[in-house]
Structure formats: structure tokens, C-alpha cells
């Protein structure tokens, strides 16, 4: 085996180790850590069958989010840093009647809060919500939702601020208290 082939195998092993430690590293961050170009990282990832960061992030989120939360995000999750923040872009307008539109908007906000909190088996304890613009007025712009963890009073709770905007207009602003469910799975049948 030539020395250049050996270096490639070694670099790819380091790349895999870095991604096992933190699957949310970007190609740019990996290139800096490994001392190679971004293109080299992309080629190595492809050779190893490792997906792009967005797909790795979505895969990780699906492991700790409940299916109904993933459904509410409707595949529109763009970024998530568990315990810190989440971002989603909803290309489909809310539309419809105001009550059903507000329900859809609230479900999306709730899902973003749970994703940002990044706590497996979490539920919403309390929420304070404000609909700033009538839902029927969201217009043609996509809705951009952002959830940000403001504080963690305990390791089992998080306060998350979620805002959803349409263009420059605020549609919804909500503060969620997220907590880990009191019921823990034991792995045994009931």
C-alpha cells in the first residue's frame, strides 16, 4: 500500500471518528479539523457513504423527537442544535380558516420548541402564545420558524422562545416551558 493511500485511509478514519463524536459538524468545520479542503471532505464522505450535515441532523432529530413532532415539522426542519435552537422553513402557506390556520401554526411552533429543547421524551408544560398577524394574512412568503432555548432551570426543563415570521411580519411569538415526561419507559411489557 502506498503512503498516499495510507494517508487517505487514516484521514477517512479520523473523519468518521469526528462525525461519531458530533454528527452535526459541517464540511467546512471538518476540513479545518482535518487540514484538508472542503471538496476533499465531501469526496471522503461520499466514498464512506456518509450523508450531508442536513440529512445527518434530520436523522438525529428523528431519533429523539416523537413521530407527531416530526410530522408537525412536515420535513421542513433546516437546522437543529439540541438544547440550543431549531430552524424550519414552511413553504406551504397556512391558509384556510383562522381557527384551523392558528392550529397549524401553533402545532408548528410546539414542534419547534420540542426540537430546540432537544430533550428525549419531552412534553410542553406551559405556553404563552401571541398571534401577532391574522393567520389568513400570511401572504405568499414562506413561513420561517425559529426556536431558541432561553434558559434551562433544571436538566429536565427548558424555556424556549419560538417565533414564526412571514417575510418581515411576525405571525406568532410563543414561550414554552418544555419538560421531560414523568413517565419513563422501563423496557418491560405492562
N, C-alpha and C. Protein backbone atom coordinates (compact mmCIF):
# COMPACT_ATOMS: atom_id res chain seq x y z
N UNK A 1 0.86 -1.18 0.00
CA UNK A 1 0.00 0.00 0.00
C UNK A 1 0.90 1.23 0.00
N UNK A 2 0.62 2.18 -0.88
CA UNK A 2 1.44 3.39 -0.95
C UNK A 2 1.14 4.29 0.24
N UNK A 3 2.06 5.22 0.49
CA UNK A 3 1.89 6.10 1.65
C UNK A 3 0.70 7.04 1.46
N UNK A 4 0.42 7.44 0.20
CA UNK A 4 -0.73 8.32 -0.01
C UNK A 4 -2.04 7.59 0.24
N UNK A 5 -2.11 6.31 -0.12
CA UNK A 5 -3.31 5.51 0.17
C UNK A 5 -3.49 5.36 1.67
N UNK A 6 -2.38 5.14 2.37
CA UNK A 6 -2.43 5.03 3.83
C UNK A 6 -2.93 6.31 4.47
N UNK A 7 -2.51 7.46 3.94
CA UNK A 7 -2.96 8.76 4.48
C UNK A 7 -4.46 8.95 4.25
N UNK A 8 -4.94 8.49 3.09
CA UNK A 8 -6.38 8.60 2.78
C UNK A 8 -7.18 7.78 3.79
N UNK A 9 -6.78 6.52 4.01
CA UNK A 9 -7.49 5.67 4.98
C UNK A 9 -7.45 6.28 6.38
N UNK A 10 -6.31 6.82 6.75
CA UNK A 10 -6.17 7.44 8.08
C UNK A 10 -7.09 8.67 8.20
N UNK A 11 -7.09 9.51 7.15
CA UNK A 11 -7.94 10.71 7.17
C UNK A 11 -9.41 10.33 7.24
N UNK A 12 -9.80 9.33 6.48
CA UNK A 12 -11.21 8.90 6.49
C UNK A 12 -11.60 8.32 7.84
N UNK A 13 -10.68 7.63 8.48
CA UNK A 13 -10.94 7.10 9.83
C UNK A 13 -11.11 8.26 10.82
N UNK A 14 -10.29 9.30 10.69
CA UNK A 14 -10.42 10.47 11.57
C UNK A 14 -11.74 11.20 11.30
N UNK A 15 -12.13 11.29 10.01
CA UNK A 15 -13.40 11.91 9.65
C UNK A 15 -14.56 11.16 10.30
N UNK A 16 -14.54 9.84 10.19
CA UNK A 16 -15.61 9.04 10.81
C UNK A 16 -15.63 9.22 12.32
N UNK A 17 -14.47 9.25 12.94
CA UNK A 17 -14.40 9.43 14.40
C UNK A 17 -14.96 10.79 14.80
N UNK A 18 -14.64 11.84 14.04
CA UNK A 18 -15.15 13.18 14.34
C UNK A 18 -16.68 13.20 14.23
N UNK A 19 -17.21 12.56 13.19
CA UNK A 19 -18.66 12.56 13.00
C UNK A 19 -19.39 11.67 13.99
N UNK A 20 -18.74 10.63 14.48
CA UNK A 20 -19.34 9.82 15.54
C UNK A 20 -19.43 10.64 16.82
N UNK A 21 -18.43 11.46 17.08
CA UNK A 21 -18.43 12.31 18.28
C UNK A 21 -19.44 13.45 18.14
N UNK A 22 -19.58 14.01 16.93
CA UNK A 22 -20.51 15.12 16.71
C UNK A 22 -21.04 15.04 15.28
N UNK A 23 -22.21 14.41 15.08
CA UNK A 23 -22.74 14.25 13.72
C UNK A 23 -23.20 15.55 13.07
N UNK A 24 -23.21 16.66 13.80
CA UNK A 24 -23.68 17.92 13.24
C UNK A 24 -22.56 18.82 12.73
N UNK A 25 -21.33 18.29 12.65
CA UNK A 25 -20.23 19.07 12.10
C UNK A 25 -20.45 19.31 10.61
N UNK A 26 -20.16 20.52 10.16
CA UNK A 26 -20.29 20.85 8.74
C UNK A 26 -19.03 20.41 7.99
N UNK A 27 -19.11 20.37 6.66
CA UNK A 27 -17.94 20.03 5.85
C UNK A 27 -16.81 21.04 6.08
N UNK A 28 -17.16 22.31 6.24
CA UNK A 28 -16.15 23.34 6.48
C UNK A 28 -15.43 23.10 7.81
N UNK A 29 -16.20 22.79 8.85
CA UNK A 29 -15.59 22.51 10.15
C UNK A 29 -14.70 21.27 10.08
N UNK A 30 -15.17 20.24 9.38
CA UNK A 30 -14.37 19.02 9.23
C UNK A 30 -13.08 19.30 8.45
N UNK A 31 -13.18 20.10 7.40
CA UNK A 31 -11.99 20.43 6.60
C UNK A 31 -10.95 21.13 7.47
N UNK A 32 -11.40 22.05 8.29
CA UNK A 32 -10.48 22.77 9.19
C UNK A 32 -9.84 21.81 10.19
N UNK A 33 -10.64 20.92 10.76
CA UNK A 33 -10.12 19.96 11.74
C UNK A 33 -9.13 18.98 11.13
N UNK A 34 -9.37 18.58 9.88
CA UNK A 34 -8.54 17.57 9.23
C UNK A 34 -7.40 18.18 8.41
N UNK A 35 -7.44 19.50 8.23
CA UNK A 35 -6.38 20.17 7.47
C UNK A 35 -6.44 19.88 5.98
N UNK A 36 -7.66 19.74 5.44
CA UNK A 36 -7.84 19.47 4.01
C UNK A 36 -8.90 20.44 3.46
N UNK A 37 -9.14 20.36 2.16
CA UNK A 37 -10.15 21.23 1.55
C UNK A 37 -11.56 20.68 1.81
N UNK A 38 -12.53 21.55 1.66
CA UNK A 38 -13.93 21.15 1.80
C UNK A 38 -14.28 20.10 0.76
N UNK A 39 -13.76 20.27 -0.46
CA UNK A 39 -14.03 19.29 -1.52
C UNK A 39 -13.49 17.91 -1.14
N UNK A 40 -12.33 17.85 -0.50
CA UNK A 40 -11.77 16.57 -0.07
C UNK A 40 -12.69 15.91 0.96
N UNK A 41 -13.21 16.72 1.88
CA UNK A 41 -14.14 16.18 2.89
C UNK A 41 -15.38 15.62 2.20
N UNK A 42 -15.91 16.37 1.22
CA UNK A 42 -17.11 15.90 0.51
C UNK A 42 -16.84 14.58 -0.20
N UNK A 43 -15.71 14.49 -0.87
CA UNK A 43 -15.36 13.26 -1.58
C UNK A 43 -15.18 12.10 -0.60
N UNK A 44 -14.52 12.36 0.53
CA UNK A 44 -14.34 11.32 1.54
C UNK A 44 -15.68 10.87 2.11
N UNK A 45 -16.57 11.84 2.39
CA UNK A 45 -17.90 11.50 2.91
C UNK A 45 -18.65 10.61 1.93
N UNK A 46 -18.61 11.01 0.66
CA UNK A 46 -19.30 10.23 -0.37
C UNK A 46 -18.72 8.82 -0.47
N UNK A 47 -17.40 8.71 -0.42
CA UNK A 47 -16.76 7.39 -0.50
C UNK A 47 -17.14 6.52 0.68
N UNK A 48 -17.37 7.14 1.84
CA UNK A 48 -17.74 6.40 3.05
C UNK A 48 -19.25 6.22 3.20
N UNK A 49 -20.02 6.83 2.27
CA UNK A 49 -21.48 6.72 2.35
C UNK A 49 -22.08 7.54 3.48
N UNK A 50 -21.42 8.63 3.87
CA UNK A 50 -21.92 9.49 4.95
C UNK A 50 -22.71 10.63 4.32
N UNK A 51 -23.97 10.84 4.75
CA UNK A 51 -24.79 11.90 4.14
C UNK A 51 -24.32 13.31 4.55
N UNK A 52 -24.89 14.31 3.88
CA UNK A 52 -24.62 15.71 4.19
C UNK A 52 -25.10 16.04 5.59
N UNK A 53 -24.61 17.15 6.15
CA UNK A 53 -24.94 17.52 7.53
C UNK A 53 -26.45 17.67 7.72
N UNK A 54 -27.17 18.22 6.75
CA UNK A 54 -28.61 18.40 6.90
C UNK A 54 -29.30 17.05 7.09
N UNK A 55 -28.92 16.06 6.31
CA UNK A 55 -29.52 14.74 6.44
C UNK A 55 -29.11 14.07 7.75
N UNK A 56 -27.86 14.27 8.17
CA UNK A 56 -27.42 13.72 9.46
C UNK A 56 -28.19 14.37 10.61
N UNK A 57 -28.42 15.67 10.50
CA UNK A 57 -29.16 16.40 11.53
C UNK A 57 -30.60 15.91 11.59
N UNK A 58 -31.24 15.75 10.44
CA UNK A 58 -32.62 15.27 10.42
C UNK A 58 -32.72 13.85 10.97
N UNK A 59 -31.76 13.03 10.63
CA UNK A 59 -31.75 11.66 11.13
C UNK A 59 -31.61 11.64 12.65
N UNK A 60 -30.71 12.48 13.17
CA UNK A 60 -30.53 12.57 14.62
C UNK A 60 -31.80 13.08 15.29
N UNK A 61 -32.43 14.09 14.70
CA UNK A 61 -33.66 14.65 15.28
C UNK A 61 -34.77 13.60 15.32
N UNK A 62 -34.87 12.79 14.28
CA UNK A 62 -35.91 11.75 14.25
C UNK A 62 -35.72 10.73 15.36
N UNK A 63 -34.48 10.53 15.79
CA UNK A 63 -34.23 9.56 16.85
C UNK A 63 -34.73 10.05 18.20
N UNK A 64 -34.70 11.36 18.47
CA UNK A 64 -35.12 11.83 19.78
C UNK A 64 -36.43 12.60 19.78
N UNK A 65 -36.99 12.92 18.60
CA UNK A 65 -38.29 13.57 18.55
C UNK A 65 -39.38 12.52 18.37
N UNK A 66 -40.53 12.79 18.94
CA UNK A 66 -41.68 11.90 18.76
C UNK A 66 -42.18 12.01 17.32
N UNK A 67 -42.80 10.93 16.81
CA UNK A 67 -43.27 10.96 15.42
C UNK A 67 -44.23 12.11 15.13
N UNK A 68 -45.11 12.44 16.07
CA UNK A 68 -46.06 13.53 15.82
C UNK A 68 -45.36 14.89 15.72
N UNK A 69 -44.22 15.03 16.40
CA UNK A 69 -43.44 16.26 16.30
C UNK A 69 -42.78 16.35 14.94
N UNK A 70 -42.22 15.24 14.49
CA UNK A 70 -41.60 15.20 13.16
C UNK A 70 -42.66 15.49 12.10
N UNK A 71 -43.87 14.94 12.26
CA UNK A 71 -44.96 15.18 11.31
C UNK A 71 -45.34 16.67 11.27
N UNK A 72 -45.40 17.31 12.45
CA UNK A 72 -45.78 18.73 12.51
C UNK A 72 -44.74 19.59 11.80
N UNK A 73 -43.48 19.18 11.86
CA UNK A 73 -42.44 19.94 11.16
C UNK A 73 -42.48 19.66 9.67
N UNK A 74 -43.20 18.61 9.28
CA UNK A 74 -43.50 18.34 7.88
C UNK A 74 -42.27 18.33 6.99
N UNK A 75 -41.16 17.81 7.49
CA UNK A 75 -39.94 17.72 6.69
C UNK A 75 -39.27 19.04 6.41
N UNK A 76 -39.67 20.09 7.11
CA UNK A 76 -39.16 21.42 6.82
C UNK A 76 -38.06 21.88 7.79
N UNK A 77 -37.63 21.01 8.67
CA UNK A 77 -36.57 21.34 9.62
C UNK A 77 -35.28 21.60 8.85
N UNK A 78 -34.68 22.75 9.04
CA UNK A 78 -33.47 23.12 8.31
C UNK A 78 -32.21 23.01 9.18
N UNK A 79 -32.34 23.27 10.46
CA UNK A 79 -31.18 23.21 11.35
C UNK A 79 -31.67 22.94 12.76
N UNK A 80 -30.88 22.20 13.50
CA UNK A 80 -31.20 21.97 14.91
C UNK A 80 -29.90 21.77 15.66
N UNK A 81 -29.79 22.44 16.78
CA UNK A 81 -28.72 22.24 17.74
C UNK A 81 -29.41 21.88 19.04
N UNK A 82 -29.52 20.58 19.33
CA UNK A 82 -30.28 20.14 20.51
C UNK A 82 -29.84 20.87 21.77
N UNK A 83 -30.84 21.39 22.49
CA UNK A 83 -30.56 22.13 23.71
C UNK A 83 -30.26 23.59 23.47
N UNK A 84 -30.25 24.02 22.19
CA UNK A 84 -29.94 25.41 21.88
C UNK A 84 -30.96 26.07 20.95
N UNK A 85 -31.15 25.48 19.74
CA UNK A 85 -32.03 26.14 18.78
C UNK A 85 -32.51 25.17 17.70
N UNK A 86 -33.54 25.63 16.97
CA UNK A 86 -34.06 24.89 15.82
C UNK A 86 -34.60 25.91 14.83
N UNK A 87 -34.51 25.57 13.54
CA UNK A 87 -34.98 26.45 12.48
C UNK A 87 -35.74 25.61 11.46
N UNK A 88 -36.90 26.11 11.03
CA UNK A 88 -37.68 25.44 10.00
C UNK A 88 -38.22 26.47 9.03
N UNK A 89 -38.33 26.08 7.77
CA UNK A 89 -38.93 26.93 6.74
C UNK A 89 -40.09 26.15 6.16
N UNK A 90 -41.29 26.74 6.29
CA UNK A 90 -42.51 26.08 5.81
C UNK A 90 -42.92 26.74 4.51
N UNK A 91 -42.77 26.03 3.40
CA UNK A 91 -43.09 26.62 2.10
C UNK A 91 -44.59 26.63 1.84
N UNK A 92 -45.31 25.72 2.48
CA UNK A 92 -46.76 25.68 2.31
C UNK A 92 -47.41 26.77 3.16
N UNK A 93 -48.29 27.61 2.57
CA UNK A 93 -48.98 28.61 3.39
C UNK A 93 -49.94 27.94 4.37
N UNK A 94 -50.21 28.64 5.45
CA UNK A 94 -51.13 28.09 6.46
C UNK A 94 -52.53 28.11 5.89
N UNK A 95 -52.99 29.26 5.38
CA UNK A 95 -54.27 29.38 4.71
C UNK A 95 -55.45 28.87 5.50
N UNK A 96 -56.55 28.67 4.81
CA UNK A 96 -57.75 28.13 5.44
C UNK A 96 -58.41 29.14 6.36
N UNK A 97 -59.27 28.63 7.20
CA UNK A 97 -59.96 29.48 8.14
C UNK A 97 -59.03 29.85 9.27
N UNK A 98 -59.34 30.91 9.96
CA UNK A 98 -58.47 31.39 11.03
C UNK A 98 -58.29 30.34 12.13
N UNK A 99 -59.36 29.70 12.65
CA UNK A 99 -59.11 28.71 13.70
C UNK A 99 -58.21 27.57 13.25
N UNK A 100 -58.44 27.02 12.04
CA UNK A 100 -57.60 25.90 11.60
C UNK A 100 -56.20 26.39 11.28
N UNK A 101 -56.06 27.59 10.71
CA UNK A 101 -54.74 28.16 10.43
C UNK A 101 -53.95 28.38 11.70
N UNK A 102 -54.61 28.90 12.74
CA UNK A 102 -53.93 29.11 14.02
C UNK A 102 -53.52 27.78 14.64
N UNK A 103 -54.33 26.75 14.47
CA UNK A 103 -53.98 25.43 15.00
C UNK A 103 -52.74 24.88 14.32
N UNK A 104 -52.66 25.03 13.00
CA UNK A 104 -51.49 24.56 12.25
C UNK A 104 -50.25 25.33 12.68
N UNK A 105 -50.38 26.65 12.79
CA UNK A 105 -49.26 27.49 13.20
C UNK A 105 -48.79 27.13 14.60
N UNK A 106 -49.73 26.91 15.52
CA UNK A 106 -49.37 26.54 16.88
C UNK A 106 -48.68 25.17 16.92
N UNK A 107 -49.18 24.21 16.13
CA UNK A 107 -48.56 22.87 16.08
C UNK A 107 -47.12 22.97 15.60
N UNK A 108 -46.87 23.82 14.62
CA UNK A 108 -45.51 24.01 14.12
C UNK A 108 -44.63 24.65 15.19
N UNK A 109 -45.17 25.63 15.91
CA UNK A 109 -44.41 26.29 16.98
C UNK A 109 -44.08 25.30 18.09
N UNK A 110 -45.04 24.49 18.46
CA UNK A 110 -44.83 23.48 19.51
C UNK A 110 -43.73 22.49 19.09
N UNK A 111 -43.78 22.05 17.85
CA UNK A 111 -42.77 21.11 17.35
C UNK A 111 -41.38 21.75 17.35
N UNK A 112 -41.30 23.02 16.98
CA UNK A 112 -40.01 23.71 17.01
C UNK A 112 -39.48 23.83 18.43
N UNK A 113 -40.36 24.10 19.38
CA UNK A 113 -39.93 24.19 20.79
C UNK A 113 -39.35 22.87 21.27
N UNK A 114 -40.02 21.78 20.93
CA UNK A 114 -39.53 20.46 21.33
C UNK A 114 -38.20 20.12 20.65
N UNK A 115 -38.07 20.49 19.38
CA UNK A 115 -36.83 20.23 18.66
C UNK A 115 -35.68 21.04 19.25
N UNK A 116 -35.94 22.32 19.55
CA UNK A 116 -34.89 23.18 20.11
C UNK A 116 -34.47 22.69 21.50
N UNK A 117 -35.44 22.27 22.30
CA UNK A 117 -35.12 21.80 23.66
C UNK A 117 -34.22 20.57 23.62
N UNK A 118 -34.43 19.72 22.62
CA UNK A 118 -33.56 18.57 22.42
C UNK A 118 -33.58 17.57 23.56
N UNK A 119 -34.72 17.43 24.21
CA UNK A 119 -34.83 16.50 25.34
C UNK A 119 -35.72 15.34 24.93
N UNK A 120 -35.16 14.15 24.94
CA UNK A 120 -35.91 12.97 24.53
C UNK A 120 -37.10 12.76 25.46
N UNK A 121 -38.26 12.48 24.88
CA UNK A 121 -39.46 12.23 25.66
C UNK A 121 -40.02 13.47 26.33
N UNK A 122 -39.81 14.63 25.73
CA UNK A 122 -40.26 15.88 26.35
C UNK A 122 -41.70 16.21 25.97
N UNK A 123 -42.36 16.97 26.84
CA UNK A 123 -43.71 17.48 26.62
C UNK A 123 -43.74 18.96 26.94
N UNK A 124 -44.79 19.62 26.50
CA UNK A 124 -44.99 21.02 26.82
C UNK A 124 -45.70 21.10 28.17
N UNK A 125 -45.13 21.85 29.09
CA UNK A 125 -45.75 22.02 30.40
C UNK A 125 -46.67 23.23 30.40
N UNK A 126 -46.16 24.37 29.94
CA UNK A 126 -46.98 25.59 29.83
C UNK A 126 -46.56 26.34 28.58
N UNK A 127 -47.45 27.22 28.13
CA UNK A 127 -47.14 28.04 26.96
C UNK A 127 -47.86 29.37 27.08
N UNK A 128 -47.19 30.41 26.62
CA UNK A 128 -47.81 31.73 26.49
C UNK A 128 -47.63 32.10 25.02
N UNK A 129 -48.76 32.25 24.29
CA UNK A 129 -48.68 32.45 22.85
C UNK A 129 -49.37 33.74 22.45
N UNK A 130 -48.83 34.39 21.43
CA UNK A 130 -49.40 35.62 20.89
C UNK A 130 -49.38 35.53 19.36
N UNK A 131 -50.57 35.60 18.75
CA UNK A 131 -50.67 35.64 17.30
C UNK A 131 -50.62 37.11 16.90
N UNK A 132 -49.52 37.54 16.30
CA UNK A 132 -49.30 38.96 16.00
C UNK A 132 -50.03 39.42 14.75
N UNK A 133 -50.16 38.55 13.76
CA UNK A 133 -50.81 38.89 12.49
C UNK A 133 -51.88 37.84 12.23
N UNK A 134 -53.04 38.24 11.73
CA UNK A 134 -54.05 37.23 11.42
C UNK A 134 -53.47 36.17 10.47
N UNK A 135 -53.76 34.92 10.77
CA UNK A 135 -53.20 33.81 10.00
C UNK A 135 -53.59 33.89 8.54
N UNK A 136 -54.78 34.39 8.24
CA UNK A 136 -55.23 34.47 6.85
C UNK A 136 -54.42 35.48 6.05
N UNK A 137 -53.60 36.33 6.73
CA UNK A 137 -52.81 37.36 6.06
C UNK A 137 -51.35 36.97 5.85
N UNK A 138 -51.03 35.67 5.83
CA UNK A 138 -49.62 35.31 5.75
C UNK A 138 -49.00 35.54 4.38
N UNK A 139 -49.79 35.73 3.34
CA UNK A 139 -49.27 36.09 2.04
C UNK A 139 -48.47 34.98 1.38
N UNK A 140 -47.73 35.33 0.29
CA UNK A 140 -47.02 34.32 -0.50
C UNK A 140 -45.67 33.90 0.08
N UNK A 141 -45.15 34.66 1.05
CA UNK A 141 -43.84 34.34 1.59
C UNK A 141 -43.87 33.05 2.41
N UNK A 142 -42.77 32.29 2.38
CA UNK A 142 -42.71 31.10 3.23
C UNK A 142 -42.67 31.53 4.70
N UNK A 143 -43.15 30.66 5.55
CA UNK A 143 -43.10 30.93 6.98
C UNK A 143 -41.77 30.42 7.51
N UNK A 144 -41.07 31.25 8.27
CA UNK A 144 -39.80 30.87 8.87
C UNK A 144 -40.00 30.81 10.37
N UNK A 145 -39.75 29.64 10.93
CA UNK A 145 -39.91 29.46 12.37
C UNK A 145 -38.56 29.23 13.02
N UNK A 146 -38.36 29.88 14.17
CA UNK A 146 -37.12 29.71 14.90
C UNK A 146 -37.43 29.49 16.37
N UNK A 147 -36.82 28.47 16.93
CA UNK A 147 -36.94 28.19 18.35
C UNK A 147 -35.59 28.36 19.00
N UNK A 148 -35.56 29.02 20.14
CA UNK A 148 -34.30 29.27 20.84
C UNK A 148 -34.48 29.00 22.34
N UNK A 149 -33.60 28.18 22.89
CA UNK A 149 -33.65 27.91 24.33
C UNK A 149 -33.13 29.14 25.04
N UNK A 150 -33.98 29.74 25.88
CA UNK A 150 -33.59 30.92 26.63
C UNK A 150 -32.85 30.55 27.91
N UNK A 151 -33.37 29.53 28.58
CA UNK A 151 -32.70 29.08 29.81
C UNK A 151 -33.16 27.67 30.15
N UNK A 152 -32.37 27.01 30.99
CA UNK A 152 -32.68 25.66 31.47
C UNK A 152 -32.67 25.71 32.98
N UNK A 153 -33.84 25.92 33.61
CA UNK A 153 -33.88 25.99 35.07
C UNK A 153 -33.37 24.71 35.74
N UNK A 154 -33.62 23.56 35.11
CA UNK A 154 -33.10 22.28 35.59
C UNK A 154 -32.73 21.47 34.37
N UNK A 155 -32.08 20.32 34.56
CA UNK A 155 -31.73 19.49 33.40
C UNK A 155 -32.97 18.83 32.79
N UNK A 156 -34.10 18.88 33.49
CA UNK A 156 -35.34 18.28 32.98
C UNK A 156 -36.31 19.31 32.41
N UNK A 157 -35.94 20.60 32.44
CA UNK A 157 -36.82 21.65 31.92
C UNK A 157 -36.03 22.63 31.07
N UNK A 158 -36.74 23.26 30.13
CA UNK A 158 -36.15 24.31 29.30
C UNK A 158 -37.23 25.32 28.95
N UNK A 159 -36.84 26.59 28.91
CA UNK A 159 -37.73 27.65 28.44
C UNK A 159 -37.30 27.98 27.02
N UNK A 160 -38.25 27.85 26.07
CA UNK A 160 -37.94 28.02 24.66
C UNK A 160 -38.83 29.12 24.07
N UNK A 161 -38.20 30.07 23.39
CA UNK A 161 -38.92 31.12 22.68
C UNK A 161 -39.01 30.72 21.21
N UNK A 162 -40.23 30.73 20.66
CA UNK A 162 -40.45 30.39 19.25
C UNK A 162 -41.09 31.59 18.57
N UNK A 163 -40.53 31.96 17.43
CA UNK A 163 -41.13 33.00 16.60
C UNK A 163 -41.33 32.42 15.20
N UNK A 164 -42.47 32.76 14.60
CA UNK A 164 -42.74 32.37 13.22
C UNK A 164 -43.07 33.65 12.47
N UNK A 165 -42.35 33.84 11.35
CA UNK A 165 -42.48 35.06 10.56
C UNK A 165 -42.85 34.72 9.13
N UNK A 166 -43.53 35.64 8.49
CA UNK A 166 -43.81 35.57 7.06
C UNK A 166 -43.23 36.83 6.46
N UNK A 167 -42.10 36.70 5.77
CA UNK A 167 -41.40 37.89 5.29
C UNK A 167 -40.93 38.69 6.48
N UNK A 168 -41.30 39.96 6.53
CA UNK A 168 -40.89 40.81 7.65
C UNK A 168 -41.95 40.85 8.76
N UNK A 169 -43.09 40.19 8.55
CA UNK A 169 -44.18 40.23 9.53
C UNK A 169 -44.10 39.07 10.51
N UNK A 170 -44.25 39.41 11.77
CA UNK A 170 -44.31 38.38 12.80
C UNK A 170 -45.71 37.78 12.79
N UNK A 171 -45.79 36.45 12.73
CA UNK A 171 -47.08 35.78 12.74
C UNK A 171 -47.42 35.26 14.14
N UNK A 172 -46.40 34.71 14.82
CA UNK A 172 -46.62 34.09 16.12
C UNK A 172 -45.36 34.27 16.96
N UNK A 173 -45.58 34.47 18.24
CA UNK A 173 -44.49 34.51 19.21
C UNK A 173 -45.00 33.75 20.43
N UNK A 174 -44.23 32.75 20.85
CA UNK A 174 -44.68 31.92 21.97
C UNK A 174 -43.49 31.53 22.84
N UNK A 175 -43.76 31.45 24.14
CA UNK A 175 -42.75 31.00 25.09
C UNK A 175 -43.27 29.70 25.70
N UNK A 176 -42.47 28.65 25.55
CA UNK A 176 -42.84 27.31 26.01
C UNK A 176 -41.97 26.89 27.18
N UNK A 177 -42.59 26.24 28.18
CA UNK A 177 -41.85 25.53 29.21
C UNK A 177 -41.91 24.08 28.80
N UNK A 178 -40.75 23.52 28.44
CA UNK A 178 -40.66 22.13 28.00
C UNK A 178 -40.08 21.32 29.14
N UNK A 179 -40.65 20.14 29.38
CA UNK A 179 -40.13 19.28 30.45
C UNK A 179 -40.08 17.84 29.97
N UNK A 180 -39.17 17.08 30.57
CA UNK A 180 -39.09 15.66 30.28
C UNK A 180 -40.29 15.01 30.93
N UNK A 181 -40.93 14.09 30.21
CA UNK A 181 -42.11 13.40 30.74
C UNK A 181 -41.78 12.68 32.03
N UNK A 182 -42.73 12.68 32.96
CA UNK A 182 -42.54 12.00 34.25
C UNK A 182 -42.56 10.49 34.08
N UNK A 183 -43.28 9.99 33.07
CA UNK A 183 -43.38 8.54 32.85
C UNK A 183 -42.17 8.10 32.04
N UNK A 184 -41.37 7.22 32.60
CA UNK A 184 -40.18 6.70 31.93
C UNK A 184 -40.47 5.29 31.43
N UNK A 185 -39.96 4.96 30.26
CA UNK A 185 -40.12 3.61 29.73
C UNK A 185 -39.17 2.68 30.46
N UNK A 186 -39.66 1.52 30.85
CA UNK A 186 -38.82 0.56 31.58
C UNK A 186 -38.30 -0.52 30.67
N UNK A 187 -38.88 -0.64 29.50
CA UNK A 187 -38.43 -1.69 28.58
C UNK A 187 -39.15 -3.01 28.82
N UNK A 188 -40.02 -3.05 29.82
CA UNK A 188 -40.79 -4.27 30.10
C UNK A 188 -42.23 -4.07 29.66
N UNK A 189 -42.88 -5.16 29.35
CA UNK A 189 -44.29 -5.10 28.97
C UNK A 189 -45.15 -4.76 30.17
N UNK A 190 -46.30 -4.14 29.94
CA UNK A 190 -47.18 -3.73 31.03
C UNK A 190 -48.04 -4.87 31.49
